[in-house]
Amino acid sequence: MGAALMMLAACGHSWEESEEEGLRRLSDSLRTDGGGRIAVTFEVLGGETAFAAVAQADPLRTNLPGLEGPDGVLYTSDTESVRLVTNAGFVSPVSVLAWPILDEHGALAEGRYALDIGTLAAEQLAYEQGDVEVDVWIKSDPDFSSGGIDARVVWNDGLEDRVDPATMDAAFEVWAEIYAAHGLTVHRLDDLVWDGPTLGQPGTTFGSWLAMSGEGPTRVINLVLVETIEDLPQAFGLAGGIPGPVGASGSSGVLVSYGLAAGTDGALSEAETRILGETLAHETGHYLGLFHPVEIGWDRWDSLGDTPECGGEADCEGLFADNLMFPYPVCNIRDCTPQNVVTDAQGRGMNRHPLAD
């Protein structure tokens, strides 16, 4: 659908509206047209400053390829771009488009917005008519330089019986110190011991993630600790989206490999505890909308103004080895470089997400 035509073509319907934990929520169950697309409109009110639109479908997949605002086209998906802004246009069981994303997007304007939604066949990845659940979570937060986020540990794989609680406390302290430098306070809520079906990668075990994230608060980041991440044994963590969803969904949370952080002896040293804390902060950074400053391959970069372009491993490590969002730990035979630097634009980006109050 051409973005310029989206507002005119958008369907008229009534959202179910509610207030949840300081957010205005608009919800609807929709069915896309024969081409697997639908455009819907919603209103942003005066004083509202940011929103996250969440579309989810199972067993179909979704994407959010376009957004139009009161003054015209705001976003059109370009999955081939070397400048990364959002994963909303990529195909996923749960798609999220948060707005605004970058400083240059400016303040959220009052008025009508039109959101382009797609449903796709899981195997062929071709647009196909289907049902999709849509939520728009809108916050009124005049200050993107400070805020707070709620997080909870979700124990899986029986790890709650093997991990020293003091270890997790120390890892949270590492995370909290990193975020505090940019005005984000991390609040740890009570842990959840998940005794339901195994939580694989976000989105792949859709029903399990939906059920788990439906237990407890809406405005929370679920940190699911497992021994190793299924099919990604060398990954320290995996976020449920860039950005991730608000509320219950098939990918509401981040997956963290405790086993990889702990190493072969299964116990965390001081350095390993720091890496675990940095992993919690890094994956939550993705969930709040941050990309790596540069992707491995050195040919794709984030779109922030204060993370300069680099080229090649040595150049990029020289610039970003200590940045929280660098794609891997930078280590020598003695130790690893602390990755605790967050740029001003990265900090503001995280604060814009509706999960940050």
Protein backbone atom coordinates (compact mmCIF):
# COMPACT_ATOMS: atom_id res chain seq x y z
CA MET A 1 0.00 0.00 0.00
CA GLY A 2 1.43 3.37 -0.93
CA ALA A 3 2.16 5.32 2.21
CA ALA A 4 0.55 8.49 0.86
CA LEU A 5 -2.71 6.61 0.41
CA MET A 6 -2.67 4.95 3.83
CA MET A 7 -4.71 7.54 5.72
CA LEU A 8 -7.44 7.55 3.08
CA ALA A 9 -7.55 3.75 2.87
CA ALA A 10 -7.42 3.11 6.60
CA CYS A 11 -10.35 1.19 7.99
CA GLY A 12 -12.79 2.84 10.34
CA HIS A 13 -13.39 0.92 13.56
CA SER A 14 -13.70 1.44 17.29
CA TRP A 15 -10.74 0.66 19.51
CA GLU A 16 -11.23 -0.84 22.94
CA GLU A 17 -9.62 1.78 25.17
CA SER A 18 -8.28 1.36 28.70
CA GLU A 19 -5.71 2.74 31.13
CA GLU A 20 -3.04 0.31 32.31
CA GLU A 21 -0.17 1.19 34.62
CA GLY A 22 0.07 4.77 33.42
CA LEU A 23 -0.35 3.99 29.71
CA ARG A 24 -3.34 4.54 27.45
CA ARG A 25 -4.04 1.27 25.64
CA LEU A 26 -5.93 0.85 22.38
CA SER A 27 -6.77 -2.76 21.45
CA ASP A 28 -8.47 -4.49 18.56
CA SER A 29 -8.75 -7.87 16.85
CA LEU A 30 -8.45 -7.33 13.11
CA ARG A 31 -8.51 -9.30 9.89
CA THR A 32 -6.34 -8.24 6.99
CA ASP A 33 -7.68 -8.02 3.44
CA GLY A 34 -7.15 -10.55 0.66
CA GLY A 35 -3.69 -9.15 0.10
CA GLY A 36 -2.69 -9.65 3.72
CA ARG A 37 -2.69 -5.93 4.59
CA ILE A 38 -4.80 -3.50 6.58
CA ALA A 39 -4.33 0.13 7.59
CA VAL A 40 -5.88 1.37 10.82
CA THR A 41 -6.04 4.83 12.35
CA PHE A 42 -5.74 6.01 15.93
CA GLU A 43 -5.62 9.37 17.67
CA VAL A 44 -2.73 10.79 19.69
CA LEU A 45 -3.97 13.26 22.29
CA GLY A 46 -2.41 16.45 23.56
CA GLY A 47 0.34 15.79 26.09
CA GLU A 48 1.09 12.27 24.79
CA THR A 49 4.72 11.88 23.82
CA ALA A 50 5.48 8.35 22.56
CA PHE A 51 3.76 5.10 21.59
CA ALA A 52 4.48 1.50 20.72
CA ALA A 53 2.22 -0.35 18.29
CA VAL A 54 2.25 -4.15 18.73
CA ALA A 55 0.85 -6.63 16.20
CA GLN A 56 0.91 -10.37 16.82
CA ALA A 57 -0.37 -13.44 15.02
CA ASP A 58 0.05 -17.17 15.41
CA PRO A 59 0.62 -19.30 13.34
CA LEU A 60 0.85 -16.47 10.79
CA ARG A 61 3.58 -13.83 10.94
CA THR A 62 3.26 -10.05 10.98
CA ASN A 63 5.06 -6.88 10.01
CA LEU A 64 4.46 -3.15 10.32
CA PRO A 65 5.73 -1.65 7.06
CA GLY A 66 4.48 1.91 7.34
CA LEU A 67 3.32 4.76 9.55
CA GLU A 68 1.69 8.05 8.60
CA GLY A 69 1.14 10.97 10.96
CA PRO A 70 -0.85 14.21 10.92
CA ASP A 71 1.79 15.87 8.74
CA GLY A 72 2.50 13.02 6.33
CA VAL A 73 4.60 9.87 6.04
CA LEU A 74 6.75 9.13 9.09
CA TYR A 75 8.14 5.68 8.36
CA THR A 76 8.33 3.28 5.43
CA SER A 77 10.12 -0.03 5.92
CA ASP A 78 13.42 -0.53 4.12
CA THR A 79 14.81 -3.89 5.14
CA GLU A 80 17.84 -3.42 2.85
CA SER A 81 19.02 -0.20 4.50
CA VAL A 82 22.51 -0.14 6.02
CA ARG A 83 21.22 2.36 8.61
CA LEU A 84 19.16 0.51 11.19
CA VAL A 85 16.17 2.23 12.79
CA THR A 86 13.62 -0.46 13.75
CA ASN A 87 12.85 -4.11 13.06
CA ALA A 88 9.14 -3.33 12.60
CA GLY A 89 9.25 -4.04 8.87
CA PHE A 90 10.81 -7.47 9.27
CA VAL A 91 8.59 -10.55 9.42
CA SER A 92 7.99 -11.87 12.93
CA PRO A 93 5.26 -13.48 15.07
CA VAL A 94 5.24 -10.21 17.05
CA SER A 95 6.00 -6.87 15.38
CA VAL A 96 6.57 -3.60 17.22
CA LEU A 97 6.85 -0.05 15.94
CA ALA A 98 7.69 2.56 18.56
CA TRP A 99 7.56 6.26 17.74
CA PRO A 100 9.41 8.59 17.88
CA ILE A 101 12.68 6.68 17.58
CA LEU A 102 15.43 9.21 16.83
CA ASP A 103 16.07 12.76 17.99
CA GLU A 104 15.39 14.03 14.46
CA HIS A 105 11.86 12.60 14.56
CA GLY A 106 10.98 15.44 16.91
CA ALA A 107 8.06 15.60 19.30
CA LEU A 108 5.01 13.39 18.84
CA ALA A 109 2.33 15.49 17.14
CA GLU A 110 -1.25 15.50 18.33
CA GLY A 111 -3.71 14.11 15.78
CA ARG A 112 -4.51 11.09 13.64
CA TYR A 113 -2.02 8.36 12.76
CA ALA A 114 -2.37 5.51 10.27
CA LEU A 115 -0.55 2.21 10.81
CA ASP A 116 0.07 -0.29 8.00
CA ILE A 117 -0.18 -3.90 9.22
CA GLY A 118 0.66 -7.08 7.33
CA THR A 119 -0.01 -10.77 7.94
CA LEU A 120 2.17 -13.33 6.22
CA ALA A 121 2.36 -17.09 5.81
CA ALA A 122 4.98 -18.50 8.16
CA GLU A 123 6.72 -20.68 5.59
CA GLN A 124 6.48 -18.77 2.31
CA LEU A 125 6.73 -15.33 3.97
CA ALA A 126 4.18 -14.06 1.47
CA TYR A 127 1.32 -11.76 2.46
CA GLU A 128 -1.79 -13.75 3.31
CA GLN A 129 -5.17 -12.82 4.75
CA GLY A 130 -5.45 -13.56 8.44
CA ASP A 131 -6.30 -12.49 11.96
CA VAL A 132 -4.03 -10.22 13.96
CA GLU A 133 -4.17 -8.79 17.48
CA VAL A 134 -3.17 -5.13 17.66
CA ASP A 135 -2.38 -2.93 20.66
CA VAL A 136 -1.18 0.66 20.73
CA TRP A 137 0.41 1.69 24.03
CA ILE A 138 0.72 5.46 24.46
CA LYS A 139 2.54 7.34 27.21
CA SER A 140 2.60 10.92 28.42
CA ASP A 141 6.18 11.54 29.47
CA PRO A 142 7.55 15.05 28.89
CA ASP A 143 11.16 14.19 29.77
CA PHE A 144 13.20 11.65 27.78
CA SER A 145 16.31 12.33 29.86
CA SER A 146 15.14 10.36 32.89
CA GLY A 147 12.74 7.63 33.90
CA GLY A 148 12.49 4.16 35.34
CA ILE A 149 11.93 0.61 34.15
CA ASP A 150 10.57 -2.41 35.99
CA ALA A 151 12.23 -5.78 35.44
CA ARG A 152 11.88 -9.24 36.88
CA VAL A 153 13.88 -12.44 36.62
CA VAL A 154 11.93 -15.36 35.18
CA TRP A 155 13.56 -18.63 36.18
CA ASN A 156 13.47 -21.46 33.67
CA ASP A 157 15.37 -24.76 33.38
CA GLY A 158 15.41 -25.12 37.19
CA LEU A 159 18.13 -22.49 37.53
CA GLU A 160 16.48 -20.96 40.60
CA ASP A 161 17.80 -23.90 42.63
CA ARG A 162 21.40 -23.50 41.41
CA VAL A 163 22.08 -19.77 41.26
CA ASP A 164 23.22 -17.89 44.35
CA PRO A 165 20.73 -15.02 44.88
CA ALA A 166 23.64 -12.72 45.72
CA THR A 167 25.00 -13.30 42.23
CA MET A 168 21.86 -11.95 40.60
CA ASP A 169 21.80 -9.03 43.03
CA ALA A 170 25.35 -8.15 41.98
CA ALA A 171 24.53 -8.46 38.27
CA PHE A 172 21.53 -6.16 38.71
CA GLU A 173 23.77 -3.62 40.44
CA VAL A 174 26.08 -3.60 37.41
CA TRP A 175 23.10 -3.05 35.11
CA ALA A 176 21.56 -0.37 37.33
CA GLU A 177 24.80 1.61 37.50
CA ILE A 178 25.10 1.67 33.68
CA TYR A 179 21.55 2.91 33.18
CA ALA A 180 21.64 5.39 36.06
CA ALA A 181 24.25 7.44 34.22
CA HIS A 182 21.52 8.29 31.71
CA GLY A 183 18.66 8.86 34.11
CA LEU A 184 17.11 5.39 33.91
CA THR A 185 16.41 3.73 37.25
CA VAL A 186 16.10 -0.06 37.21
CA HIS A 187 13.48 -1.41 39.62
CA ARG A 188 13.67 -5.16 40.29
CA LEU A 189 10.30 -6.76 40.91
CA ASP A 190 9.70 -10.15 42.52
CA ASP A 191 11.09 -13.09 40.58
CA LEU A 192 8.81 -15.50 38.72
CA VAL A 193 9.51 -19.22 38.70
CA TRP A 194 8.01 -20.40 35.42
CA ASP A 195 6.84 -24.00 35.65
CA GLY A 196 4.96 -23.97 32.35
CA PRO A 197 6.26 -25.18 28.98
CA THR A 198 9.89 -24.46 28.11
CA LEU A 199 10.63 -20.94 26.92
CA GLY A 200 12.63 -21.20 23.71
CA GLN A 201 13.68 -18.24 21.60
CA PRO A 202 11.14 -15.39 21.81
CA GLY A 203 8.45 -15.93 19.20
CA THR A 204 9.33 -19.56 18.51
CA THR A 205 7.41 -20.94 21.51
CA PHE A 206 4.68 -18.36 21.07
CA GLY A 207 2.11 -19.79 23.46
CA SER A 208 4.60 -20.25 26.29
CA TRP A 209 5.84 -16.66 26.07
CA LEU A 210 2.28 -15.35 25.82
CA ALA A 211 1.24 -17.27 28.94
CA MET A 212 4.35 -16.34 30.94
CA SER A 213 4.18 -12.63 30.11
CA GLY A 214 0.48 -12.62 30.97
CA GLU A 215 1.34 -13.47 34.58
CA GLY A 216 2.11 -10.23 36.36
CA PRO A 217 2.49 -6.56 35.46
CA THR A 218 1.98 -5.10 32.00
CA ARG A 219 4.82 -2.59 32.11
CA VAL A 220 7.71 -4.92 32.89
CA ILE A 221 10.71 -6.44 31.16
CA ASN A 222 10.88 -10.21 31.64
CA LEU A 223 14.46 -11.50 31.96
CA VAL A 224 14.25 -15.21 31.26
CA LEU A 225 17.32 -17.06 32.54
CA VAL A 226 18.15 -20.38 30.92
CA GLU A 227 21.18 -22.64 30.87
CA THR A 228 21.77 -22.09 27.15
CA ILE A 229 19.70 -20.51 24.40
CA GLU A 230 18.17 -23.12 22.13
CA ASP A 231 19.92 -23.25 18.72
CA LEU A 232 22.21 -20.36 19.78
CA PRO A 233 24.64 -21.97 22.26
CA GLN A 234 27.22 -19.17 21.87
CA ALA A 235 24.76 -16.31 22.43
CA PHE A 236 24.82 -14.53 25.79
CA GLY A 237 21.31 -13.16 25.25
CA LEU A 238 18.47 -12.61 22.81
CA ALA A 239 15.87 -9.84 22.97
CA GLY A 240 12.24 -10.31 21.98
CA GLY A 241 12.45 -7.52 19.42
CA ILE A 242 14.13 -4.22 18.52
CA PRO A 243 12.13 -2.71 20.04
CA GLY A 244 10.29 -5.25 22.16
CA PRO A 245 6.56 -5.29 22.92
CA VAL A 246 4.60 -3.89 25.83
CA GLY A 247 2.18 -6.26 27.57
CA ALA A 248 1.65 -9.97 27.07
CA SER A 249 2.79 -11.37 23.73
CA GLY A 250 4.63 -14.25 22.13
CA SER A 251 7.96 -12.48 22.55
CA SER A 252 7.62 -10.29 25.65
CA GLY A 253 11.02 -10.50 27.25
CA VAL A 254 14.70 -11.22 26.79
CA LEU A 255 16.41 -14.58 27.01
CA VAL A 256 19.72 -14.71 28.90
CA SER A 257 22.18 -17.61 28.98
CA TYR A 258 23.35 -18.00 32.56
CA GLY A 259 25.36 -21.07 31.60
CA LEU A 260 27.45 -19.21 29.03
CA ALA A 261 28.17 -16.38 31.47
CA ALA A 262 29.12 -18.81 34.26
CA GLY A 263 31.52 -20.87 32.15
CA THR A 264 32.55 -24.47 32.65
CA ASP A 265 32.65 -24.36 36.46
CA GLY A 266 29.05 -23.13 36.67
CA ALA A 267 29.90 -20.37 39.16
CA LEU A 268 30.26 -16.69 38.39
CA SER A 269 33.54 -14.96 39.12
CA GLU A 270 33.58 -11.21 39.69
CA ALA A 271 34.40 -10.63 36.02
CA GLU A 272 31.69 -13.06 34.89
CA THR A 273 29.15 -11.36 37.15
CA ARG A 274 30.01 -8.07 35.47
CA ILE A 275 29.52 -9.65 32.04
CA LEU A 276 26.14 -11.04 33.14
CA GLY A 277 25.09 -7.58 34.33
CA GLU A 278 26.25 -6.05 31.06
CA THR A 279 24.30 -8.72 29.18
CA LEU A 280 21.12 -7.82 31.06
CA ALA A 281 21.72 -4.16 30.22
CA HIS A 282 22.64 -4.90 26.58
CA GLU A 283 19.65 -7.10 25.79
CA THR A 284 17.29 -4.71 27.55
CA GLY A 285 18.85 -1.95 25.45
CA HIS A 286 17.76 -3.88 22.35
CA TYR A 287 14.30 -4.35 23.86
CA LEU A 288 14.04 -0.60 24.41
CA GLY A 289 14.98 0.02 20.77
CA LEU A 290 18.78 0.16 20.50
CA PHE A 291 20.80 -1.53 17.77
CA HIS A 292 24.49 -2.35 17.87
CA PRO A 293 26.49 0.74 16.83
CA VAL A 294 27.86 -1.51 14.08
CA GLU A 295 26.90 -5.03 13.06
CA ILE A 296 29.46 -7.80 12.61
CA GLY A 297 30.44 -7.55 8.97
CA TRP A 298 31.14 -3.85 9.55
CA ASP A 299 28.75 -2.71 6.82
CA ARG A 300 25.57 -1.81 8.77
CA TRP A 301 25.23 0.77 11.53
CA ASP A 302 22.66 2.24 13.86
CA SER A 303 21.11 5.60 12.96
CA LEU A 304 22.10 7.58 16.05
CA GLY A 305 23.95 10.85 15.70
CA ASP A 306 26.65 10.18 18.29
CA THR A 307 27.80 6.69 17.25
CA PRO A 308 30.06 7.43 14.25
CA GLU A 309 30.43 5.06 11.33
CA CYS A 310 33.39 2.70 11.47
CA GLY A 311 34.79 0.14 9.06
CA GLY A 312 36.62 -3.07 9.90
CA GLU A 313 37.14 -4.95 13.14
CA ALA A 314 40.10 -2.96 14.46
CA ASP A 315 38.52 0.43 13.69
CA CYS A 316 35.18 -0.52 15.24
CA GLU A 317 36.71 -2.06 18.36
CA GLY A 318 38.82 1.07 18.74
CA LEU A 319 35.70 3.24 18.73
CA PHE A 320 33.17 1.05 20.52
CA ALA A 321 34.87 -1.70 22.56
CA ASP A 322 33.54 -0.12 25.77
CA ASN A 323 30.06 0.68 24.43
CA LEU A 324 27.22 -1.25 26.04
CA MET A 325 25.71 -2.10 22.66
CA PHE A 326 28.86 -3.38 20.92
CA PRO A 327 27.94 -6.77 19.44
CA TYR A 328 30.41 -8.92 21.43
CA PRO A 329 32.73 -8.79 24.46
CA VAL A 330 36.23 -7.54 23.62
CA CYS A 331 38.70 -9.69 25.56
CA ASN A 332 42.40 -10.52 25.74
CA ILE A 333 44.11 -13.38 27.54
CA ARG A 334 43.76 -11.57 30.90
CA ASP A 335 40.34 -9.92 30.93
CA CYS A 336 37.52 -8.28 29.00
CA THR A 337 36.96 -4.57 28.44
CA PRO A 338 34.08 -3.27 30.59
CA GLN A 339 31.20 -2.38 28.25
CA ASN A 340 29.44 0.24 30.32
CA VAL A 341 29.40 3.32 28.07
CA VAL A 342 26.02 4.57 26.84
CA THR A 343 25.93 7.61 24.55
CA ASP A 344 23.48 10.44 25.11
CA ALA A 345 21.42 9.44 22.05
CA GLN A 346 21.32 5.82 23.22
CA GLY A 347 20.07 6.97 26.61
CA ARG A 348 17.32 9.12 25.11
CA GLY A 349 16.34 6.28 22.79
CA MET A 350 15.75 3.91 25.70
CA ASN A 351 13.81 6.55 27.61
CA ARG A 352 11.36 7.00 24.72
CA HIS A 353 10.02 3.44 24.93
CA PRO A 354 6.64 3.25 26.72
CA LEU A 355 8.13 0.74 29.17
CA ALA A 356 10.19 3.60 30.58
CA ASP A 357 8.03 5.80 32.79
